[in-house]
Amino acid sequence: MTTVKPGAVDWTGDNPFVYLKTDPEGDWCALALYFRIALSPHGVGQAMLVLEAPYQPEYPKARRLMLTDNPVMARYLVDDFVKHFGLFRPCTALLDSVSIVGGAQFSCHDEGKGLHIQRATHAQEGLSLEMHWEGLQRPFMAAVPADKTQTGVHEMFSVFQPATSGWVAVNGERLPGATVERDFFGSRAASAALAFSETWVQASHGQA
């Protein structure tokens, strides 16, 4: 049995998320993703994406922004991956127009007490994004075949650590909404989780 996985590695890194609702039975009111990329066709880097009112493109004063230190990598992730993620598929036009601001700086706060915070800031533009995860639970490993991944042409491997709750802030102001419980890899978890060592591998011939 071979120990080498066939197929090109398109990217590997961390990809945690926080998804919020104001009405548990309604649409998502905010979607947020963070990427810390260790390998990709466009190098390494970090990026944080926040879409408020993602399914209401004309919503007044909606805060929609991506901060990054590698704009080419960030656009690649949005176009080739985020647009294929289930909750983001209705937002394709919005993602085409979202502002991607380079030159951002990133910081992480993790006290090992079930709290994890990622921040992205751009001092010159006066911009900041924050993602918070609280009540971190036991991590688990997921290996997803190509016919069940979001792109349909990649296998995906990741270590997930669900949170009990999470929230998002833009320029110091917390966005409305809260995480909700949902199905997550055969169990139930809040709509916020850390994702470590996430790796997207092009499926070998006959697997896609």
N, C-alpha and C. Protein backbone atom coordinates (compact mmCIF):
# COMPACT_ATOMS: atom_id res chain seq x y z
N MET A 1 0.85 -1.20 0.00
CA MET A 1 0.00 0.00 0.00
C MET A 1 0.88 1.25 0.00
N THR A 2 0.62 2.16 -0.95
CA THR A 2 1.41 3.38 -1.01
C THR A 2 1.05 4.33 0.12
N THR A 3 2.03 5.06 0.59
CA THR A 3 1.78 6.05 1.63
C THR A 3 1.77 7.47 1.06
N VAL A 4 1.93 7.59 -0.27
CA VAL A 4 1.92 8.89 -0.92
C VAL A 4 0.56 9.11 -1.59
N LYS A 5 -0.07 10.25 -1.29
CA LYS A 5 -1.36 10.58 -1.87
C LYS A 5 -1.16 11.18 -3.26
N PRO A 6 -1.74 10.57 -4.32
CA PRO A 6 -1.57 11.15 -5.65
C PRO A 6 -2.36 12.44 -5.81
N GLY A 7 -1.99 13.24 -6.77
CA GLY A 7 -2.71 14.49 -7.02
C GLY A 7 -1.93 15.69 -6.52
N ALA A 8 -2.02 16.79 -7.26
CA ALA A 8 -1.32 18.02 -6.89
C ALA A 8 -1.99 18.68 -5.69
N VAL A 9 -1.17 19.17 -4.77
CA VAL A 9 -1.67 19.93 -3.63
C VAL A 9 -1.88 21.37 -4.08
N ASP A 10 -3.14 21.82 -4.12
CA ASP A 10 -3.40 23.20 -4.55
C ASP A 10 -3.13 24.20 -3.44
N TRP A 11 -3.51 23.87 -2.21
CA TRP A 11 -3.10 24.72 -1.09
C TRP A 11 -3.24 23.96 0.22
N THR A 12 -2.48 24.41 1.18
CA THR A 12 -2.57 23.85 2.53
C THR A 12 -2.36 24.98 3.53
N GLY A 13 -3.06 24.90 4.64
CA GLY A 13 -2.96 25.93 5.67
C GLY A 13 -4.14 25.83 6.62
N ASP A 14 -4.48 26.94 7.25
CA ASP A 14 -5.62 27.00 8.17
C ASP A 14 -6.76 27.76 7.52
N ASN A 15 -7.99 27.37 7.84
CA ASN A 15 -9.16 27.99 7.20
C ASN A 15 -10.37 27.98 8.14
N PRO A 16 -10.26 28.62 9.31
CA PRO A 16 -11.41 28.65 10.24
C PRO A 16 -12.52 29.57 9.73
N PHE A 17 -13.70 29.38 10.30
CA PHE A 17 -14.88 30.12 9.84
C PHE A 17 -15.78 30.49 11.01
N VAL A 18 -16.59 31.53 10.79
CA VAL A 18 -17.69 31.92 11.69
C VAL A 18 -18.86 32.33 10.80
N TYR A 19 -20.02 31.70 11.00
CA TYR A 19 -21.23 32.03 10.25
C TYR A 19 -22.32 32.42 11.25
N LEU A 20 -23.01 33.53 10.97
CA LEU A 20 -23.95 34.11 11.93
C LEU A 20 -25.35 34.24 11.35
N LYS A 21 -26.35 34.15 12.25
CA LYS A 21 -27.74 34.41 11.92
C LYS A 21 -28.37 35.30 12.99
N THR A 22 -29.29 36.18 12.58
CA THR A 22 -30.09 36.91 13.56
C THR A 22 -31.37 36.14 13.88
N ASP A 23 -31.82 35.32 12.94
CA ASP A 23 -32.98 34.45 13.11
C ASP A 23 -32.53 33.02 12.83
N PRO A 24 -32.59 32.13 13.84
CA PRO A 24 -32.10 30.76 13.62
C PRO A 24 -32.76 30.06 12.44
N GLU A 25 -33.98 30.48 12.08
CA GLU A 25 -34.69 29.86 10.97
C GLU A 25 -34.51 30.63 9.66
N GLY A 26 -33.82 31.76 9.71
CA GLY A 26 -33.66 32.60 8.53
C GLY A 26 -32.33 32.38 7.83
N ASP A 27 -32.03 33.29 6.89
CA ASP A 27 -30.77 33.22 6.16
C ASP A 27 -29.60 33.65 7.03
N TRP A 28 -28.42 33.30 6.59
CA TRP A 28 -27.21 33.75 7.27
C TRP A 28 -27.07 35.27 7.10
N CYS A 29 -26.75 35.95 8.18
CA CYS A 29 -26.61 37.41 8.11
C CYS A 29 -25.16 37.84 7.98
N ALA A 30 -24.21 36.94 8.22
CA ALA A 30 -22.79 37.25 8.04
C ALA A 30 -22.01 35.95 7.85
N LEU A 31 -21.06 35.99 6.93
CA LEU A 31 -20.16 34.87 6.67
C LEU A 31 -18.73 35.39 6.76
N ALA A 32 -17.90 34.69 7.52
CA ALA A 32 -16.51 35.13 7.69
C ALA A 32 -15.57 33.94 7.59
N LEU A 33 -14.47 34.13 6.88
CA LEU A 33 -13.43 33.12 6.72
C LEU A 33 -12.06 33.75 6.98
N TYR A 34 -11.18 32.94 7.55
CA TYR A 34 -9.79 33.36 7.71
C TYR A 34 -8.90 32.29 7.06
N PHE A 35 -7.89 32.74 6.34
CA PHE A 35 -6.94 31.83 5.72
C PHE A 35 -5.52 32.17 6.20
N ARG A 36 -4.79 31.14 6.61
CA ARG A 36 -3.35 31.26 6.80
C ARG A 36 -2.73 30.18 5.91
N ILE A 37 -2.18 30.59 4.79
CA ILE A 37 -1.75 29.66 3.76
C ILE A 37 -0.25 29.41 3.84
N ALA A 38 0.10 28.12 3.90
CA ALA A 38 1.50 27.73 3.97
C ALA A 38 2.06 27.36 2.60
N LEU A 39 1.17 27.02 1.65
CA LEU A 39 1.60 26.65 0.31
C LEU A 39 0.44 26.86 -0.64
N SER A 40 0.71 27.52 -1.77
CA SER A 40 -0.29 27.70 -2.82
C SER A 40 0.44 28.07 -4.10
N PRO A 41 -0.23 28.06 -5.26
CA PRO A 41 0.44 28.48 -6.50
C PRO A 41 0.86 29.94 -6.47
N HIS A 42 0.33 30.71 -5.52
CA HIS A 42 0.63 32.14 -5.44
C HIS A 42 1.34 32.49 -4.13
N GLY A 43 2.03 31.52 -3.59
CA GLY A 43 2.84 31.77 -2.42
C GLY A 43 2.07 31.65 -1.11
N VAL A 44 2.68 32.15 -0.06
CA VAL A 44 2.12 32.07 1.28
C VAL A 44 1.44 33.39 1.63
N GLY A 45 0.68 33.36 2.72
CA GLY A 45 0.06 34.60 3.15
C GLY A 45 -1.15 34.36 4.01
N GLN A 46 -1.80 35.46 4.39
CA GLN A 46 -2.99 35.41 5.22
C GLN A 46 -4.08 36.29 4.59
N ALA A 47 -5.31 35.96 4.89
CA ALA A 47 -6.43 36.74 4.38
C ALA A 47 -7.64 36.52 5.28
N MET A 48 -8.44 37.56 5.45
CA MET A 48 -9.68 37.45 6.21
C MET A 48 -10.79 38.10 5.40
N LEU A 49 -11.88 37.35 5.23
CA LEU A 49 -13.01 37.79 4.44
C LEU A 49 -14.25 37.88 5.32
N VAL A 50 -14.95 39.00 5.25
CA VAL A 50 -16.22 39.19 5.97
C VAL A 50 -17.26 39.69 4.99
N LEU A 51 -18.39 38.99 4.93
CA LEU A 51 -19.53 39.42 4.13
C LEU A 51 -20.74 39.58 5.04
N GLU A 52 -21.16 40.80 5.24
CA GLU A 52 -22.41 41.05 5.98
C GLU A 52 -23.56 41.07 4.96
N ALA A 53 -24.71 40.54 5.36
CA ALA A 53 -25.87 40.44 4.47
C ALA A 53 -25.46 39.83 3.13
N PRO A 54 -24.90 38.62 3.14
CA PRO A 54 -24.33 38.07 1.90
C PRO A 54 -25.35 37.78 0.81
N TYR A 55 -26.61 37.59 1.19
CA TYR A 55 -27.64 37.26 0.20
C TYR A 55 -28.51 38.46 -0.15
N GLN A 56 -28.09 39.64 0.31
CA GLN A 56 -28.80 40.88 0.01
C GLN A 56 -27.81 41.88 -0.58
N PRO A 57 -27.50 41.74 -1.87
CA PRO A 57 -26.42 42.55 -2.45
C PRO A 57 -26.65 44.05 -2.36
N GLU A 58 -27.91 44.49 -2.31
CA GLU A 58 -28.18 45.92 -2.25
C GLU A 58 -28.41 46.43 -0.83
N TYR A 59 -28.12 45.59 0.16
CA TYR A 59 -28.35 45.98 1.56
C TYR A 59 -27.52 47.21 1.91
N PRO A 60 -28.15 48.28 2.40
CA PRO A 60 -27.41 49.53 2.65
C PRO A 60 -26.38 49.37 3.78
N LYS A 61 -25.21 49.89 3.53
CA LYS A 61 -24.14 49.96 4.53
C LYS A 61 -23.65 48.58 4.99
N ALA A 62 -23.90 47.56 4.19
CA ALA A 62 -23.37 46.23 4.54
C ALA A 62 -21.85 46.28 4.50
N ARG A 63 -21.23 45.65 5.50
CA ARG A 63 -19.78 45.64 5.59
C ARG A 63 -19.26 44.36 4.93
N ARG A 64 -18.52 44.57 3.83
CA ARG A 64 -17.99 43.47 3.04
C ARG A 64 -16.56 43.81 2.65
N LEU A 65 -15.63 42.98 3.07
CA LEU A 65 -14.22 43.36 2.96
C LEU A 65 -13.34 42.13 3.08
N MET A 66 -12.21 42.16 2.37
CA MET A 66 -11.18 41.14 2.55
C MET A 66 -9.86 41.85 2.76
N LEU A 67 -9.21 41.59 3.88
CA LEU A 67 -7.88 42.11 4.17
C LEU A 67 -6.87 40.99 3.98
N THR A 68 -5.72 41.31 3.40
CA THR A 68 -4.72 40.29 3.11
C THR A 68 -3.33 40.90 3.03
N ASP A 69 -2.33 40.04 3.10
CA ASP A 69 -0.95 40.46 2.83
C ASP A 69 -0.46 39.90 1.50
N ASN A 70 -1.37 39.27 0.74
CA ASN A 70 -1.03 38.70 -0.56
C ASN A 70 -2.29 38.73 -1.44
N PRO A 71 -2.57 39.86 -2.10
CA PRO A 71 -3.81 40.00 -2.86
C PRO A 71 -4.00 38.98 -3.97
N VAL A 72 -2.92 38.59 -4.65
CA VAL A 72 -3.05 37.60 -5.73
C VAL A 72 -3.50 36.26 -5.17
N MET A 73 -2.91 35.85 -4.06
CA MET A 73 -3.33 34.62 -3.39
C MET A 73 -4.77 34.72 -2.93
N ALA A 74 -5.14 35.86 -2.37
CA ALA A 74 -6.50 36.03 -1.86
C ALA A 74 -7.52 35.91 -2.99
N ARG A 75 -7.26 36.53 -4.13
CA ARG A 75 -8.18 36.44 -5.26
C ARG A 75 -8.27 35.00 -5.77
N TYR A 76 -7.16 34.30 -5.79
CA TYR A 76 -7.15 32.88 -6.18
C TYR A 76 -8.04 32.06 -5.25
N LEU A 77 -7.94 32.27 -3.95
CA LEU A 77 -8.75 31.52 -3.00
C LEU A 77 -10.24 31.82 -3.18
N VAL A 78 -10.56 33.09 -3.41
CA VAL A 78 -11.96 33.47 -3.61
C VAL A 78 -12.50 32.84 -4.89
N ASP A 79 -11.78 33.00 -6.00
CA ASP A 79 -12.29 32.55 -7.29
C ASP A 79 -12.33 31.04 -7.43
N ASP A 80 -11.29 30.36 -6.94
CA ASP A 80 -11.19 28.92 -7.18
C ASP A 80 -11.75 28.06 -6.06
N PHE A 81 -12.00 28.67 -4.88
CA PHE A 81 -12.48 27.87 -3.76
C PHE A 81 -13.70 28.47 -3.07
N VAL A 82 -13.60 29.69 -2.57
CA VAL A 82 -14.70 30.26 -1.79
C VAL A 82 -16.00 30.28 -2.60
N LYS A 83 -15.92 30.61 -3.87
CA LYS A 83 -17.13 30.65 -4.70
C LYS A 83 -17.81 29.29 -4.80
N HIS A 84 -17.07 28.23 -4.52
CA HIS A 84 -17.62 26.87 -4.58
C HIS A 84 -18.14 26.39 -3.23
N PHE A 85 -17.78 27.08 -2.14
CA PHE A 85 -18.26 26.68 -0.82
C PHE A 85 -19.77 26.88 -0.76
N GLY A 86 -20.47 25.92 -0.19
CA GLY A 86 -21.93 25.90 -0.27
C GLY A 86 -22.62 27.20 0.10
N LEU A 87 -22.27 27.79 1.24
CA LEU A 87 -22.95 29.00 1.69
C LEU A 87 -22.59 30.21 0.85
N PHE A 88 -21.48 30.14 0.11
CA PHE A 88 -21.01 31.27 -0.67
C PHE A 88 -21.44 31.20 -2.14
N ARG A 89 -21.98 30.08 -2.56
CA ARG A 89 -22.35 29.95 -3.98
C ARG A 89 -23.37 31.00 -4.41
N PRO A 90 -24.36 31.38 -3.58
CA PRO A 90 -25.28 32.43 -4.01
C PRO A 90 -24.64 33.83 -4.04
N CYS A 91 -23.39 33.95 -3.59
CA CYS A 91 -22.75 35.26 -3.46
C CYS A 91 -21.70 35.51 -4.54
N THR A 92 -21.74 34.76 -5.64
CA THR A 92 -20.67 34.86 -6.64
C THR A 92 -20.47 36.28 -7.13
N ALA A 93 -21.56 36.96 -7.49
CA ALA A 93 -21.43 38.34 -7.99
C ALA A 93 -20.87 39.26 -6.91
N LEU A 94 -21.30 39.04 -5.68
CA LEU A 94 -20.80 39.85 -4.57
C LEU A 94 -19.31 39.62 -4.37
N LEU A 95 -18.87 38.36 -4.49
CA LEU A 95 -17.46 38.06 -4.33
C LEU A 95 -16.62 38.65 -5.45
N ASP A 96 -17.20 38.79 -6.63
CA ASP A 96 -16.48 39.42 -7.74
C ASP A 96 -16.18 40.88 -7.44
N SER A 97 -17.05 41.52 -6.68
CA SER A 97 -16.91 42.95 -6.43
C SER A 97 -16.36 43.29 -5.05
N VAL A 98 -16.15 42.29 -4.20
CA VAL A 98 -15.69 42.58 -2.84
C VAL A 98 -14.32 43.26 -2.87
N SER A 99 -14.12 44.20 -1.99
CA SER A 99 -12.85 44.93 -1.92
C SER A 99 -11.78 44.05 -1.27
N ILE A 100 -10.69 43.78 -1.99
CA ILE A 100 -9.56 43.02 -1.45
C ILE A 100 -8.43 44.02 -1.21
N VAL A 101 -8.11 44.26 0.05
CA VAL A 101 -7.15 45.29 0.44
C VAL A 101 -5.85 44.62 0.89
N GLY A 102 -4.78 44.87 0.16
CA GLY A 102 -3.48 44.32 0.51
C GLY A 102 -2.77 45.15 1.56
N GLY A 103 -1.64 44.66 2.01
CA GLY A 103 -0.83 45.37 2.99
C GLY A 103 -1.32 45.24 4.42
N ALA A 104 -2.18 44.25 4.68
CA ALA A 104 -2.74 44.07 6.02
C ALA A 104 -1.74 43.37 6.93
N GLN A 105 -1.93 43.56 8.23
CA GLN A 105 -1.15 42.87 9.25
C GLN A 105 -2.09 41.97 10.05
N PHE A 106 -1.56 40.87 10.54
CA PHE A 106 -2.38 39.87 11.22
C PHE A 106 -1.80 39.53 12.58
N SER A 107 -2.71 39.23 13.51
CA SER A 107 -2.29 38.80 14.84
C SER A 107 -3.26 37.76 15.36
N CYS A 108 -2.77 36.96 16.30
CA CYS A 108 -3.56 35.87 16.86
C CYS A 108 -3.47 35.92 18.38
N HIS A 109 -4.59 35.66 19.04
CA HIS A 109 -4.62 35.59 20.49
C HIS A 109 -5.23 34.25 20.89
N ASP A 110 -4.47 33.46 21.62
CA ASP A 110 -4.94 32.14 22.05
C ASP A 110 -4.32 31.84 23.41
N GLU A 111 -5.15 31.88 24.43
CA GLU A 111 -4.66 31.64 25.79
C GLU A 111 -4.72 30.17 26.17
N GLY A 112 -5.19 29.31 25.25
CA GLY A 112 -5.34 27.91 25.59
C GLY A 112 -6.45 27.64 26.57
N LYS A 113 -7.42 28.55 26.69
CA LYS A 113 -8.53 28.40 27.63
C LYS A 113 -9.87 28.35 26.89
N GLY A 114 -9.84 27.82 25.68
CA GLY A 114 -11.06 27.71 24.91
C GLY A 114 -11.43 28.97 24.17
N LEU A 115 -10.52 29.95 24.10
CA LEU A 115 -10.76 31.20 23.39
C LEU A 115 -9.68 31.39 22.34
N HIS A 116 -10.11 31.73 21.12
CA HIS A 116 -9.16 31.98 20.03
C HIS A 116 -9.64 33.20 19.26
N ILE A 117 -8.72 34.13 18.97
CA ILE A 117 -9.06 35.36 18.27
C ILE A 117 -8.07 35.58 17.14
N GLN A 118 -8.59 35.89 15.96
CA GLN A 118 -7.76 36.28 14.83
C GLN A 118 -8.12 37.72 14.45
N ARG A 119 -7.10 38.53 14.23
CA ARG A 119 -7.32 39.93 13.86
C ARG A 119 -6.56 40.26 12.59
N ALA A 120 -7.17 41.08 11.77
CA ALA A 120 -6.52 41.64 10.58
C ALA A 120 -6.70 43.15 10.63
N THR A 121 -5.62 43.89 10.42
CA THR A 121 -5.69 45.35 10.50
C THR A 121 -4.94 45.98 9.33
N HIS A 122 -5.38 47.16 8.95
CA HIS A 122 -4.68 47.96 7.95
C HIS A 122 -4.65 49.38 8.49
N ALA A 123 -3.52 49.74 9.09
CA ALA A 123 -3.42 51.01 9.81
C ALA A 123 -3.64 52.20 8.88
N GLN A 124 -3.04 52.16 7.68
CA GLN A 124 -3.15 53.31 6.78
C GLN A 124 -4.59 53.55 6.34
N GLU A 125 -5.34 52.49 6.13
CA GLU A 125 -6.73 52.62 5.70
C GLU A 125 -7.70 52.70 6.88
N GLY A 126 -7.20 52.50 8.10
CA GLY A 126 -8.07 52.54 9.27
C GLY A 126 -9.08 51.42 9.29
N LEU A 127 -8.66 50.22 8.86
CA LEU A 127 -9.57 49.07 8.76
C LEU A 127 -9.15 47.97 9.72
N SER A 128 -10.13 47.27 10.26
CA SER A 128 -9.84 46.11 11.09
C SER A 128 -10.96 45.10 11.00
N LEU A 129 -10.59 43.83 11.05
CA LEU A 129 -11.53 42.72 11.09
C LEU A 129 -11.11 41.81 12.24
N GLU A 130 -12.09 41.23 12.92
CA GLU A 130 -11.81 40.29 14.01
C GLU A 130 -12.76 39.11 13.91
N MET A 131 -12.23 37.93 14.21
CA MET A 131 -13.04 36.71 14.33
C MET A 131 -12.73 36.07 15.68
N HIS A 132 -13.80 35.75 16.43
CA HIS A 132 -13.66 35.18 17.77
C HIS A 132 -14.32 33.80 17.82
N TRP A 133 -13.63 32.86 18.48
CA TRP A 133 -14.18 31.53 18.74
C TRP A 133 -14.11 31.30 20.25
N GLU A 134 -15.21 30.87 20.83
CA GLU A 134 -15.28 30.67 22.28
C GLU A 134 -15.78 29.26 22.58
N GLY A 135 -15.31 28.72 23.71
CA GLY A 135 -15.73 27.39 24.11
C GLY A 135 -15.26 26.31 23.15
N LEU A 136 -13.97 26.33 22.83
CA LEU A 136 -13.44 25.35 21.88
C LEU A 136 -13.56 23.94 22.41
N GLN A 137 -13.96 23.04 21.52
CA GLN A 137 -14.22 21.66 21.89
C GLN A 137 -13.11 20.74 21.38
N ARG A 138 -13.31 19.46 21.54
CA ARG A 138 -12.28 18.49 21.16
C ARG A 138 -12.11 18.48 19.64
N PRO A 139 -10.87 18.56 19.14
CA PRO A 139 -10.65 18.53 17.70
C PRO A 139 -10.83 17.13 17.12
N PHE A 140 -11.10 17.08 15.81
CA PHE A 140 -11.20 15.80 15.12
C PHE A 140 -10.68 15.97 13.69
N MET A 141 -10.30 14.85 13.10
CA MET A 141 -9.76 14.83 11.75
C MET A 141 -10.85 14.43 10.76
N ALA A 142 -10.89 15.13 9.62
CA ALA A 142 -11.84 14.79 8.55
C ALA A 142 -11.07 14.58 7.25
N ALA A 143 -11.43 13.52 6.53
CA ALA A 143 -10.90 13.25 5.20
C ALA A 143 -12.10 13.11 4.27
N VAL A 144 -12.23 14.04 3.31
CA VAL A 144 -13.43 14.12 2.49
C VAL A 144 -13.08 13.79 1.04
N PRO A 145 -13.71 12.76 0.46
CA PRO A 145 -13.43 12.42 -0.94
C PRO A 145 -13.95 13.48 -1.89
N ALA A 146 -13.45 13.46 -3.12
CA ALA A 146 -13.77 14.51 -4.08
C ALA A 146 -15.26 14.62 -4.37
N ASP A 147 -15.97 13.50 -4.38
CA ASP A 147 -17.40 13.58 -4.72
C ASP A 147 -18.23 14.19 -3.60
N LYS A 148 -17.61 14.49 -2.48
CA LYS A 148 -18.33 15.12 -1.37
C LYS A 148 -17.74 16.47 -0.96
N THR A 149 -16.67 16.93 -1.62
CA THR A 149 -16.13 18.24 -1.29
C THR A 149 -16.87 19.33 -2.04
N GLN A 150 -16.60 20.58 -1.65
CA GLN A 150 -17.31 21.71 -2.22
C GLN A 150 -16.95 21.93 -3.69
N THR A 151 -15.71 21.64 -4.09
CA THR A 151 -15.33 21.85 -5.49
C THR A 151 -15.70 20.67 -6.37
N GLY A 152 -15.76 19.48 -5.79
CA GLY A 152 -16.06 18.28 -6.56
C GLY A 152 -14.87 17.72 -7.32
N VAL A 153 -13.73 18.40 -7.30
CA VAL A 153 -12.55 17.92 -8.01
C VAL A 153 -11.33 17.81 -7.09
N HIS A 154 -11.51 18.11 -5.81
CA HIS A 154 -10.44 18.00 -4.83
C HIS A 154 -10.85 17.05 -3.70
N GLU A 155 -9.88 16.32 -3.20
CA GLU A 155 -10.03 15.71 -1.89
C GLU A 155 -9.62 16.76 -0.85
N MET A 156 -10.24 16.71 0.33
CA MET A 156 -9.93 17.70 1.36
C MET A 156 -9.66 16.99 2.68
N PHE A 157 -8.60 17.42 3.35
CA PHE A 157 -8.20 16.87 4.64
C PHE A 157 -8.04 18.03 5.61
N SER A 158 -8.58 17.89 6.83
CA SER A 158 -8.47 18.98 7.79
C SER A 158 -8.68 18.48 9.20
N VAL A 159 -8.11 19.21 10.15
CA VAL A 159 -8.40 19.00 11.57
C VAL A 159 -9.33 20.14 12.00
N PHE A 160 -10.54 19.79 12.42
CA PHE A 160 -11.53 20.77 12.85
C PHE A 160 -11.63 20.79 14.37
N GLN A 161 -11.80 21.99 14.90
CA GLN A 161 -12.06 22.16 16.33
C GLN A 161 -13.28 23.07 16.48
N PRO A 162 -14.47 22.48 16.63
CA PRO A 162 -15.68 23.30 16.75
C PRO A 162 -15.65 24.18 17.99
N ALA A 163 -16.31 25.32 17.89
CA ALA A 163 -16.48 26.23 19.02
C ALA A 163 -17.92 26.16 19.50
N THR A 164 -18.14 26.53 20.75
CA THR A 164 -19.51 26.63 21.27
C THR A 164 -20.21 27.84 20.68
N SER A 165 -19.44 28.91 20.44
CA SER A 165 -20.00 30.12 19.84
C SER A 165 -18.88 30.92 19.19
N GLY A 166 -19.28 31.90 18.39
CA GLY A 166 -18.30 32.76 17.75
C GLY A 166 -18.94 34.07 17.34
N TRP A 167 -18.12 35.06 17.06
CA TRP A 167 -18.63 36.34 16.58
C TRP A 167 -17.57 37.04 15.75
N VAL A 168 -18.02 38.10 15.06
CA VAL A 168 -17.20 38.82 14.09
C VAL A 168 -17.35 40.31 14.34
N ALA A 169 -16.25 41.06 14.18
CA ALA A 169 -16.30 42.52 14.31
C ALA A 169 -15.62 43.17 13.12
N VAL A 170 -16.15 44.30 12.70
CA VAL A 170 -15.57 45.12 11.63
C VAL A 170 -15.31 46.51 12.19
N ASN A 171 -14.07 46.95 12.10
CA ASN A 171 -13.67 48.26 12.62
C ASN A 171 -14.12 48.46 14.07
N GLY A 172 -13.96 47.39 14.87
CA GLY A 172 -14.26 47.44 16.29
C GLY A 172 -15.72 47.27 16.65
N GLU A 173 -16.60 47.14 15.66
CA GLU A 173 -18.03 47.00 15.92
C GLU A 173 -18.47 45.57 15.64
N ARG A 174 -19.02 44.96 16.66
CA ARG A 174 -19.47 43.57 16.51
C ARG A 174 -20.69 43.49 15.59
N LEU A 175 -20.64 42.57 14.64
CA LEU A 175 -21.76 42.41 13.72
C LEU A 175 -22.95 41.76 14.42
N PRO A 176 -24.17 42.10 14.00
CA PRO A 176 -25.35 41.43 14.56
C PRO A 176 -25.32 39.94 14.23
N GLY A 177 -26.04 39.17 15.05
CA GLY A 177 -26.17 37.76 14.78
C GLY A 177 -25.39 36.89 15.75
N ALA A 178 -25.70 35.61 15.70
CA ALA A 178 -25.06 34.62 16.58
C ALA A 178 -24.88 33.32 15.81
N THR A 179 -23.99 32.50 16.29
CA THR A 179 -23.84 31.18 15.69
C THR A 179 -25.07 30.34 16.01
N VAL A 180 -25.31 29.34 15.18
CA VAL A 180 -26.44 28.42 15.39
C VAL A 180 -25.94 26.99 15.28
N GLU A 181 -26.65 26.08 15.89
CA GLU A 181 -26.27 24.67 15.80
C GLU A 181 -26.71 24.11 14.46
N ARG A 182 -25.86 23.27 13.88
CA ARG A 182 -26.17 22.68 12.57
C ARG A 182 -25.45 21.34 12.45
N ASP A 183 -25.80 20.58 11.40
CA ASP A 183 -25.12 19.32 11.12
C ASP A 183 -23.69 19.61 10.70
N PHE A 184 -22.76 18.81 11.22
CA PHE A 184 -21.35 19.04 10.92
C PHE A 184 -20.61 17.71 11.00
N PHE A 185 -20.33 17.12 9.85
CA PHE A 185 -19.60 15.87 9.76
C PHE A 185 -20.19 14.78 10.65
N GLY A 186 -21.48 14.56 10.49
CA GLY A 186 -22.15 13.47 11.19
C GLY A 186 -22.51 13.76 12.62
N SER A 187 -22.29 14.97 13.08
CA SER A 187 -22.64 15.35 14.44
C SER A 187 -23.35 16.71 14.39
N ARG A 188 -23.48 17.35 15.55
CA ARG A 188 -24.06 18.68 15.64
C ARG A 188 -23.04 19.60 16.28
N ALA A 189 -22.92 20.81 15.72
CA ALA A 189 -21.96 21.78 16.25
C ALA A 189 -22.40 23.18 15.86
N ALA A 190 -21.90 24.15 16.60
CA ALA A 190 -22.18 25.55 16.26
C ALA A 190 -21.50 25.91 14.95
N SER A 191 -22.01 26.95 14.31
CA SER A 191 -21.53 27.35 12.99
C SER A 191 -20.25 28.19 13.08
N ALA A 192 -19.31 27.72 13.89
CA ALA A 192 -18.00 28.36 14.03
C ALA A 192 -17.01 27.27 14.42
N ALA A 193 -15.90 27.23 13.74
CA ALA A 193 -14.89 26.21 14.06
C ALA A 193 -13.54 26.67 13.56
N LEU A 194 -12.50 26.23 14.24
CA LEU A 194 -11.15 26.35 13.74
C LEU A 194 -10.90 25.20 12.78
N ALA A 195 -10.05 25.43 11.80
CA ALA A 195 -9.69 24.38 10.83
C ALA A 195 -8.20 24.47 10.59
N PHE A 196 -7.48 23.45 11.05
CA PHE A 196 -6.02 23.44 10.98
C PHE A 196 -5.54 22.47 9.90
N SER A 197 -4.41 22.82 9.29
CA SER A 197 -3.76 21.93 8.31
C SER A 197 -4.74 21.50 7.23
N GLU A 198 -5.61 22.42 6.82
CA GLU A 198 -6.57 22.10 5.76
C GLU A 198 -5.82 22.01 4.44
N THR A 199 -6.05 20.92 3.72
CA THR A 199 -5.29 20.64 2.51
C THR A 199 -6.23 20.19 1.40
N TRP A 200 -6.14 20.87 0.26
CA TRP A 200 -6.97 20.56 -0.92
C TRP A 200 -6.08 19.95 -1.98
N VAL A 201 -6.38 18.70 -2.33
CA VAL A 201 -5.56 17.91 -3.26
C VAL A 201 -6.40 17.57 -4.47
N GLN A 202 -5.88 17.85 -5.65
CA GLN A 202 -6.58 17.48 -6.87
C GLN A 202 -6.76 15.97 -6.91
N ALA A 203 -8.01 15.54 -7.11
CA ALA A 203 -8.30 14.10 -7.11
C ALA A 203 -7.59 13.43 -8.27
N SER A 204 -7.04 12.25 -8.01
CA SER A 204 -6.39 11.50 -9.08
C SER A 204 -7.42 11.01 -10.07
N HIS A 205 -6.98 10.65 -11.27
CA HIS A 205 -7.88 10.25 -12.36
C HIS A 205 -8.83 9.14 -11.90
N GLY A 206 -10.10 9.36 -12.16
CA GLY A 206 -11.11 8.35 -11.80
C GLY A 206 -11.75 8.58 -10.48
N GLN A 207 -11.26 9.60 -9.66
CA GLN A 207 -11.84 9.84 -8.36
C GLN A 207 -12.77 11.03 -8.37
N ALA A 208 -12.58 11.98 -9.27
CA ALA A 208 -13.38 13.20 -9.26
C ALA A 208 -14.82 12.94 -9.62
